[in-house]
Amino acid sequence: DAPGVTFAYPADVRFSDSVTKPVYADCAYTPIAGYDPAVRFVCINPKGIMPAGDPSPNFDVQFRQSIP
């Protein structure tokens, strides 16, 4: 298999309302639509292997947040 990273939002992003850093398996909070002040962590879990290279390959994630 060729190296590569896969990422699908519905399968690889979860949320947590924990006050301490959770492991991905513990990210099971379902936020309300729009702004949810209870969300404390966005858990991201891409799959695969980064290919070797020069310059080093990267995986970028961008999201917007609101700070009350």
PDB file of N, CA and C in Angstrom:
ATOM      1  N   ASP A   1       0.832  -1.188   0.000  1.00  0.00           N
ATOM      2  CA  ASP A   1       0.000   0.000   0.000  1.00  0.00           C
ATOM      3  C   ASP A   1       0.875   1.249   0.000  1.00  0.00           C
ATOM      4  N   ALA A   2       0.451   2.211  -0.770  1.00  0.00           N
ATOM      5  CA  ALA A   2       1.171   3.478  -0.814  1.00  0.00           C
ATOM      6  C   ALA A   2       0.864   4.279   0.442  1.00  0.00           C
ATOM      7  N   PRO A   3       1.877   4.976   0.970  1.00  0.00           N
ATOM      8  CA  PRO A   3       1.606   5.806   2.143  1.00  0.00           C
ATOM      9  C   PRO A   3       0.679   6.960   1.803  1.00  0.00           C
ATOM     10  N   GLY A   4      -0.071   7.383   2.745  1.00  0.00           N
ATOM     11  CA  GLY A   4      -0.968   8.512   2.558  1.00  0.00           C
ATOM     12  C   GLY A   4      -1.833   8.696   3.777  1.00  0.00           C
ATOM     13  N   VAL A   5      -2.413   9.857   3.883  1.00  0.00           N
ATOM     14  CA  VAL A   5      -3.268  10.174   5.016  1.00  0.00           C
ATOM     15  C   VAL A   5      -4.684  10.379   4.504  1.00  0.00           C
ATOM     16  N   THR A   6      -5.640   9.790   5.213  1.00  0.00           N
ATOM     17  CA  THR A   6      -7.042  10.008   4.886  1.00  0.00           C
ATOM     18  C   THR A   6      -7.704  10.725   6.053  1.00  0.00           C
ATOM     19  N   PHE A   7      -8.694  11.513   5.714  1.00  0.00           N
ATOM     20  CA  PHE A   7      -9.397  12.273   6.729  1.00  0.00           C
ATOM     21  C   PHE A   7     -10.817  12.517   6.235  1.00  0.00           C
ATOM     22  N   ALA A   8     -11.785  12.067   7.010  1.00  0.00           N
ATOM     23  CA  ALA A   8     -13.194  12.305   6.693  1.00  0.00           C
ATOM     24  C   ALA A   8     -13.849  12.882   7.936  1.00  0.00           C
ATOM     25  N   TYR A   9     -14.377  14.077   7.832  1.00  0.00           N
ATOM     26  CA  TYR A   9     -14.927  14.776   8.991  1.00  0.00           C
ATOM     27  C   TYR A   9     -15.879  13.905   9.823  1.00  0.00           C
ATOM     28  N   PRO A  10     -16.878  13.242   9.216  1.00  0.00           N
ATOM     29  CA  PRO A  10     -17.822  12.488  10.051  1.00  0.00           C
ATOM     30  C   PRO A  10     -17.170  11.348  10.846  1.00  0.00           C
ATOM     31  N   ALA A  11     -16.117  10.773  10.321  1.00  0.00           N
ATOM     32  CA  ALA A  11     -15.477   9.628  10.977  1.00  0.00           C
ATOM     33  C   ALA A  11     -14.285  10.017  11.849  1.00  0.00           C
ATOM     34  N   ASP A  12     -13.666  11.151  11.568  1.00  0.00           N
ATOM     35  CA  ASP A  12     -12.389  11.483  12.194  1.00  0.00           C
ATOM     36  C   ASP A  12     -12.402  12.722  13.090  1.00  0.00           C
ATOM     37  N   VAL A  13     -13.575  13.307  13.333  1.00  0.00           N
ATOM     38  CA  VAL A  13     -13.672  14.465  14.222  1.00  0.00           C
ATOM     39  C   VAL A  13     -14.754  14.190  15.265  1.00  0.00           C
ATOM     40  N   ARG A  14     -14.391  14.406  16.508  1.00  0.00           N
ATOM     41  CA  ARG A  14     -15.329  14.276  17.620  1.00  0.00           C
ATOM     42  C   ARG A  14     -15.116  15.463  18.557  1.00  0.00           C
ATOM     43  N   PHE A  15     -15.977  15.577  19.554  1.00  0.00           N
ATOM     44  CA  PHE A  15     -15.906  16.690  20.487  1.00  0.00           C
ATOM     45  C   PHE A  15     -15.962  16.180  21.919  1.00  0.00           C
ATOM     46  N   SER A  16     -15.442  16.981  22.833  1.00  0.00           N
ATOM     47  CA  SER A  16     -15.466  16.623  24.241  1.00  0.00           C
ATOM     48  C   SER A  16     -15.801  17.847  25.075  1.00  0.00           C
ATOM     49  N   ASP A  17     -16.536  17.610  26.163  1.00  0.00           N
ATOM     50  CA  ASP A  17     -16.814  18.666  27.126  1.00  0.00           C
ATOM     51  C   ASP A  17     -16.040  18.432  28.426  1.00  0.00           C
ATOM     52  N   SER A  18     -15.051  17.558  28.374  1.00  0.00           N
ATOM     53  CA  SER A  18     -14.227  17.231  29.530  1.00  0.00           C
ATOM     54  C   SER A  18     -13.369  18.432  29.945  1.00  0.00           C
ATOM     55  N   VAL A  19     -13.055  18.516  31.227  1.00  0.00           N
ATOM     56  CA  VAL A  19     -12.180  19.590  31.690  1.00  0.00           C
ATOM     57  C   VAL A  19     -10.707  19.203  31.566  1.00  0.00           C
ATOM     58  N   THR A  20     -10.428  17.916  31.328  1.00  0.00           N
ATOM     59  CA  THR A  20      -9.063  17.454  31.112  1.00  0.00           C
ATOM     60  C   THR A  20      -8.944  16.864  29.715  1.00  0.00           C
ATOM     61  N   LYS A  21      -7.741  16.867  29.180  1.00  0.00           N
ATOM     62  CA  LYS A  21      -7.497  16.385  27.827  1.00  0.00           C
ATOM     63  C   LYS A  21      -7.947  14.924  27.680  1.00  0.00           C
ATOM     64  N   PRO A  22      -8.889  14.653  26.784  1.00  0.00           N
ATOM     65  CA  PRO A  22      -9.369  13.287  26.611  1.00  0.00           C
ATOM     66  C   PRO A  22      -8.548  12.527  25.565  1.00  0.00           C
ATOM     67  N   VAL A  23      -8.644  11.210  25.589  1.00  0.00           N
ATOM     68  CA  VAL A  23      -8.160  10.408  24.465  1.00  0.00           C
ATOM     69  C   VAL A  23      -9.303  10.363  23.454  1.00  0.00           C
ATOM     70  N   TYR A  24      -8.990  10.058  22.207  1.00  0.00           N
ATOM     71  CA  TYR A  24      -9.996  10.123  21.144  1.00  0.00           C
ATOM     72  C   TYR A  24     -11.230   9.277  21.465  1.00  0.00           C
ATOM     73  N   ALA A  25     -11.027   8.108  22.032  1.00  0.00           N
ATOM     74  CA  ALA A  25     -12.148   7.217  22.336  1.00  0.00           C
ATOM     75  C   ALA A  25     -13.125   7.844  23.333  1.00  0.00           C
ATOM     76  N   ASP A  26     -12.664   8.774  24.152  1.00  0.00           N
ATOM     77  CA  ASP A  26     -13.522   9.420  25.140  1.00  0.00           C
ATOM     78  C   ASP A  26     -14.201  10.684  24.612  1.00  0.00           C
ATOM     79  N   CYS A  27     -13.937  11.031  23.386  1.00  0.00           N
ATOM     80  CA  CYS A  27     -14.565  12.215  22.786  1.00  0.00           C
ATOM     81  C   CYS A  27     -15.924  11.801  22.228  1.00  0.00           C
ATOM     82  N   ALA A  28     -16.952  11.946  23.042  1.00  0.00           N
ATOM     83  CA  ALA A  28     -18.278  11.463  22.658  1.00  0.00           C
ATOM     84  C   ALA A  28     -19.369  12.511  22.863  1.00  0.00           C
ATOM     85  N   TYR A  29     -18.968  13.741  23.092  1.00  0.00           N
ATOM     86  CA  TYR A  29     -19.952  14.800  23.307  1.00  0.00           C
ATOM     87  C   TYR A  29     -20.551  15.240  21.973  1.00  0.00           C
ATOM     88  N   THR A  30     -21.862  15.420  21.924  1.00  0.00           N
ATOM     89  CA  THR A  30     -22.528  15.914  20.722  1.00  0.00           C
ATOM     90  C   THR A  30     -22.910  17.373  20.957  1.00  0.00           C
ATOM     91  N   PRO A  31     -22.236  18.293  20.269  1.00  0.00           N
ATOM     92  CA  PRO A  31     -22.520  19.713  20.500  1.00  0.00           C
ATOM     93  C   PRO A  31     -23.857  20.127  19.901  1.00  0.00           C
ATOM     94  N   ILE A  32     -24.424  21.207  20.452  1.00  0.00           N
ATOM     95  CA  ILE A  32     -25.632  21.782  19.875  1.00  0.00           C
ATOM     96  C   ILE A  32     -25.247  22.548  18.620  1.00  0.00           C
ATOM     97  N   ALA A  33     -26.202  22.820  17.771  1.00  0.00           N
ATOM     98  CA  ALA A  33     -25.939  23.562  16.538  1.00  0.00           C
ATOM     99  C   ALA A  33     -25.488  24.982  16.860  1.00  0.00           C
ATOM    100  N   GLY A  34     -24.613  25.505  16.027  1.00  0.00           N
ATOM    101  CA  GLY A  34     -24.102  26.857  16.244  1.00  0.00           C
ATOM    102  C   GLY A  34     -23.002  26.852  17.280  1.00  0.00           C
ATOM    103  N   TYR A  35     -22.987  27.835  18.132  1.00  0.00           N
ATOM    104  CA  TYR A  35     -21.971  27.951  19.178  1.00  0.00           C
ATOM    105  C   TYR A  35     -22.393  27.146  20.402  1.00  0.00           C
ATOM    106  N   ASP A  36     -21.531  26.250  20.857  1.00  0.00           N
ATOM    107  CA  ASP A  36     -21.805  25.444  22.052  1.00  0.00           C
ATOM    108  C   ASP A  36     -20.688  25.702  23.062  1.00  0.00           C
ATOM    109  N   PRO A  37     -20.957  26.465  24.112  1.00  0.00           N
ATOM    110  CA  PRO A  37     -19.907  26.800  25.076  1.00  0.00           C
ATOM    111  C   PRO A  37     -19.403  25.599  25.885  1.00  0.00           C
ATOM    112  N   ALA A  38     -20.092  24.469  25.825  1.00  0.00           N
ATOM    113  CA  ALA A  38     -19.660  23.288  26.576  1.00  0.00           C
ATOM    114  C   ALA A  38     -18.495  22.561  25.895  1.00  0.00           C
ATOM    115  N   VAL A  39     -18.272  22.796  24.604  1.00  0.00           N
ATOM    116  CA  VAL A  39     -17.180  22.121  23.887  1.00  0.00           C
ATOM    117  C   VAL A  39     -15.851  22.664  24.399  1.00  0.00           C
ATOM    118  N   ARG A  40     -15.014  21.774  24.896  1.00  0.00           N
ATOM    119  CA  ARG A  40     -13.697  22.170  25.399  1.00  0.00           C
ATOM    120  C   ARG A  40     -12.566  21.616  24.544  1.00  0.00           C
ATOM    121  N   PHE A  41     -12.825  20.513  23.837  1.00  0.00           N
ATOM    122  CA  PHE A  41     -11.805  19.895  22.989  1.00  0.00           C
ATOM    123  C   PHE A  41     -12.412  19.478  21.663  1.00  0.00           C
ATOM    124  N   VAL A  42     -11.675  19.692  20.579  1.00  0.00           N
ATOM    125  CA  VAL A  42     -11.993  19.151  19.270  1.00  0.00           C
ATOM    126  C   VAL A  42     -10.986  18.038  19.041  1.00  0.00           C
ATOM    127  N   CYS A  43     -11.478  16.821  18.888  1.00  0.00           N
ATOM    128  CA  CYS A  43     -10.622  15.639  18.771  1.00  0.00           C
ATOM    129  C   CYS A  43     -10.518  15.249  17.302  1.00  0.00           C
ATOM    130  N   ILE A  44      -9.311  15.220  16.774  1.00  0.00           N
ATOM    131  CA  ILE A  44      -9.062  14.953  15.364  1.00  0.00           C
ATOM    132  C   ILE A  44      -8.221  13.693  15.248  1.00  0.00           C
ATOM    133  N   ASN A  45      -8.651  12.753  14.392  1.00  0.00           N
ATOM    134  CA  ASN A  45      -8.014  11.445  14.310  1.00  0.00           C
ATOM    135  C   ASN A  45      -7.833  10.996  12.854  1.00  0.00           C
ATOM    136  N   PRO A  46      -6.911  11.627  12.097  1.00  0.00           N
ATOM    137  CA  PRO A  46      -6.675  11.179  10.720  1.00  0.00           C
ATOM    138  C   PRO A  46      -6.067   9.777  10.715  1.00  0.00           C
ATOM    139  N   LYS A  47      -6.204   9.096   9.593  1.00  0.00           N
ATOM    140  CA  LYS A  47      -5.695   7.728   9.452  1.00  0.00           C
ATOM    141  C   LYS A  47      -4.587   7.694   8.399  1.00  0.00           C
ATOM    142  N   GLY A  48      -3.716   6.687   8.481  1.00  0.00           N
ATOM    143  CA  GLY A  48      -2.715   6.469   7.449  1.00  0.00           C
ATOM    144  C   GLY A  48      -1.308   6.784   7.908  1.00  0.00           C
ATOM    145  N   ILE A  49      -0.423   6.886   6.930  1.00  0.00           N
ATOM    146  CA  ILE A  49       0.998   7.116   7.166  1.00  0.00           C
ATOM    147  C   ILE A  49       1.452   8.283   6.301  1.00  0.00           C
ATOM    148  N   MET A  50       2.152   9.223   6.926  1.00  0.00           N
ATOM    149  CA  MET A  50       2.708  10.331   6.150  1.00  0.00           C
ATOM    150  C   MET A  50       3.876   9.808   5.319  1.00  0.00           C
ATOM    151  N   PRO A  51       3.906  10.127   4.033  1.00  0.00           N
ATOM    152  CA  PRO A  51       5.028   9.698   3.207  1.00  0.00           C
ATOM    153  C   PRO A  51       6.299  10.459   3.577  1.00  0.00           C
ATOM    154  N   ALA A  52       7.435   9.831   3.393  1.00  0.00           N
ATOM    155  CA  ALA A  52       8.711  10.511   3.629  1.00  0.00           C
ATOM    156  C   ALA A  52       8.941  11.526   2.517  1.00  0.00           C
ATOM    157  N   GLY A  53       9.670  12.578   2.803  1.00  0.00           N
ATOM    158  CA  GLY A  53       9.938  13.559   1.769  1.00  0.00           C
ATOM    159  C   GLY A  53      10.800  14.690   2.270  1.00  0.00           C
ATOM    160  N   ASP A  54      11.289  15.475   1.334  1.00  0.00           N
ATOM    161  CA  ASP A  54      12.069  16.648   1.661  1.00  0.00           C
ATOM    162  C   ASP A  54      11.602  17.762   0.728  1.00  0.00           C
ATOM    163  N   PRO A  55      10.895  18.744   1.205  1.00  0.00           N
ATOM    164  CA  PRO A  55      10.652  19.035   2.616  1.00  0.00           C
ATOM    165  C   PRO A  55       9.676  18.032   3.235  1.00  0.00           C
ATOM    166  N   SER A  56       9.690  17.989   4.555  1.00  0.00           N
ATOM    167  CA  SER A  56       8.819  17.062   5.261  1.00  0.00           C
ATOM    168  C   SER A  56       7.361  17.333   4.911  1.00  0.00           C
ATOM    169  N   PRO A  57       6.592  16.277   4.662  1.00  0.00           N
ATOM    170  CA  PRO A  57       5.167  16.475   4.367  1.00  0.00           C
ATOM    171  C   PRO A  57       4.432  16.955   5.613  1.00  0.00           C
ATOM    172  N   ASN A  58       3.267  17.533   5.399  1.00  0.00           N
ATOM    173  CA  ASN A  58       2.490  18.002   6.539  1.00  0.00           C
ATOM    174  C   ASN A  58       1.015  17.718   6.323  1.00  0.00           C
ATOM    175  N   PHE A  59       0.268  17.877   7.384  1.00  0.00           N
ATOM    176  CA  PHE A  59      -1.174  17.701   7.370  1.00  0.00           C
ATOM    177  C   PHE A  59      -1.745  18.906   8.103  1.00  0.00           C
ATOM    178  N   ASP A  60      -2.494  19.739   7.413  1.00  0.00           N
ATOM    179  CA  ASP A  60      -3.027  20.958   8.005  1.00  0.00           C
ATOM    180  C   ASP A  60      -4.504  20.801   8.334  1.00  0.00           C
ATOM    181  N   VAL A  61      -4.890  21.317   9.472  1.00  0.00           N
ATOM    182  CA  VAL A  61      -6.280  21.354   9.906  1.00  0.00           C
ATOM    183  C   VAL A  61      -6.608  22.795  10.245  1.00  0.00           C
ATOM    184  N   GLN A  62      -7.722  23.293   9.720  1.00  0.00           N
ATOM    185  CA  GLN A  62      -8.140  24.660  10.019  1.00  0.00           C
ATOM    186  C   GLN A  62      -9.571  24.634  10.522  1.00  0.00           C
ATOM    187  N   PHE A  63      -9.851  25.442  11.534  1.00  0.00           N
ATOM    188  CA  PHE A  63     -11.205  25.592  12.017  1.00  0.00           C
ATOM    189  C   PHE A  63     -11.358  26.952  12.657  1.00  0.00           C
ATOM    190  N   ARG A  64     -12.611  27.387  12.762  1.00  0.00           N
ATOM    191  CA  ARG A  64     -12.905  28.667  13.397  1.00  0.00           C
ATOM    192  C   ARG A  64     -13.440  28.397  14.795  1.00  0.00           C
ATOM    193  N   GLN A  65     -13.164  29.306  15.671  1.00  0.00           N
ATOM    194  CA  GLN A  65     -13.685  29.178  17.028  1.00  0.00           C
ATOM    195  C   GLN A  65     -14.126  30.527  17.532  1.00  0.00           C
ATOM    196  N   SER A  66     -14.932  30.491  18.551  1.00  0.00           N
ATOM    197  CA  SER A  66     -15.391  31.721  19.193  1.00  0.00           C
ATOM    198  C   SER A  66     -14.931  31.695  20.639  1.00  0.00           C
ATOM    199  N   ILE A  67     -14.339  32.771  21.058  1.00  0.00           N
ATOM    200  CA  ILE A  67     -13.891  32.878  22.452  1.00  0.00           C
ATOM    201  C   ILE A  67     -14.794  33.898  23.129  1.00  0.00           C
ATOM    202  N   PRO A  68     -15.579  33.429  24.107  1.00  0.00           N
ATOM    203  CA  PRO A  68     -16.524  34.357  24.763  1.00  0.00           C
ATOM    204  C   PRO A  68     -15.801  35.374  25.625  1.00  0.00           C
TER     205      PRO A  68
END
